Amino acid sequence: MSDQPTLENIRATRARLGERVLVTPVRRFEDDTVARALGPDTEVFLKEELFQRTGSFKPRGALAVMLDLTPEALARGVVAVSAGNHAMATAYAARTLGATSRVVMPKTANPFRVQRSRELGAQVELVDDVHQAFTRVDQIVAEEGRTFVHPFEGPLTARGTATLGLELMEQVDALDAVVVPIGGGGLCAGVAAAVKLFRPRCQVFGVEPEGADSMHRSFAAGSPQKIEAVRTIADSLGAPHAAPYSFDLCRRNLDDLVLISDDQMRAGMALLFASAKLAVEPAGAASTAALLGPLRERLRGKRVALIVCGANIDTATYAKHLADAPAPS
């Protein structure tokens, strides 16, 4: 690919994002509970992207795309499809750049995210499911001339998410592995590319929910695949399909993919709350869940970074997930 991320264009993208995007903190994840869960020899670092503007990593990609629009395109406005985090990020980016935004969301979207998108200035339209949402966005583009800001696909989106990966690599020395959640693959595509450019021998693992495994299916088939329905509590990771650009970057740069269950994500949420005092959405605990589960033995004794990608969830749903979390084994 001639338009893949490079260290030069990732750094140029970060400079262009400026103060619209924060440098989020990295923290060593350690206490007795973590040592018991992961083993005392595994060094774990949390990249706390939940403290990004709008509560997730999404403004990095949305702004990277919208900063490339002409004044005329900005004046016509933008449209997005999202279960919530990308909707909020697009609304924030549009408001920051003086544009209007429309977001199409499935009716199952968390009410907190719907309300927050409206508060950030978006006109919200609710439809039956995420497949219908993509169809409705195409109609809006045709009718209103708005630019579609894709939730996970394209070179500019990848350069935006790659700024997170580069940031992490500059914050923590000598990492052996980075674990990244996968929805549509935009976050993982950019982060994995940046990590491999900065430190080629650092392993990168993608993690998907069992009920939204489009990237696993795509890797098995050798081309982007769809899923029939999203069946996971991690709605932020519930992309209905993989897409060519992000799929190709993930295939080039990922060392492996793993699957996690909803209960494993609940357990990850509980551990992050108890030991890091972080209240995250299920997607924000996906990397932790992977290290607690399928990657625990593979990464024992390694220096591992976990991307904590977001924390947009209402208190009642969050409390129920903690109450339903399985007891530590």
Foldseek 3Di string as FASTA:
>chain_A
DVLADAPVLLVVLVVVCPPVWDLFDKDWFDDPVCCVLQNVQETEIERLQCPIVLRFLQLLLLLLVVVPDDPVQQALAAEEEALASNLLSNLQNSVVVVHAYEYEHEPPRFPLRVVNSVVSHYHYHYDHDRVVRVVVRVVCCVPRVHHYRYRADDSSLLSSLLNSLLSVPVNDDDAQEEEAEAALQRNVLNNLVNNCNVPVRRAYEYEYEPQAPQLVVCVVVVHKDFDPFRDEQPRRNRDGIHDHPSSVSCVVGHPYYDYDYNLLLLQQQLSCCVRVVDRAGSSLSRQVSCCSPVCSVVSRSGHYYYYSGGHRHDPVVSVVSNVPHDDRD
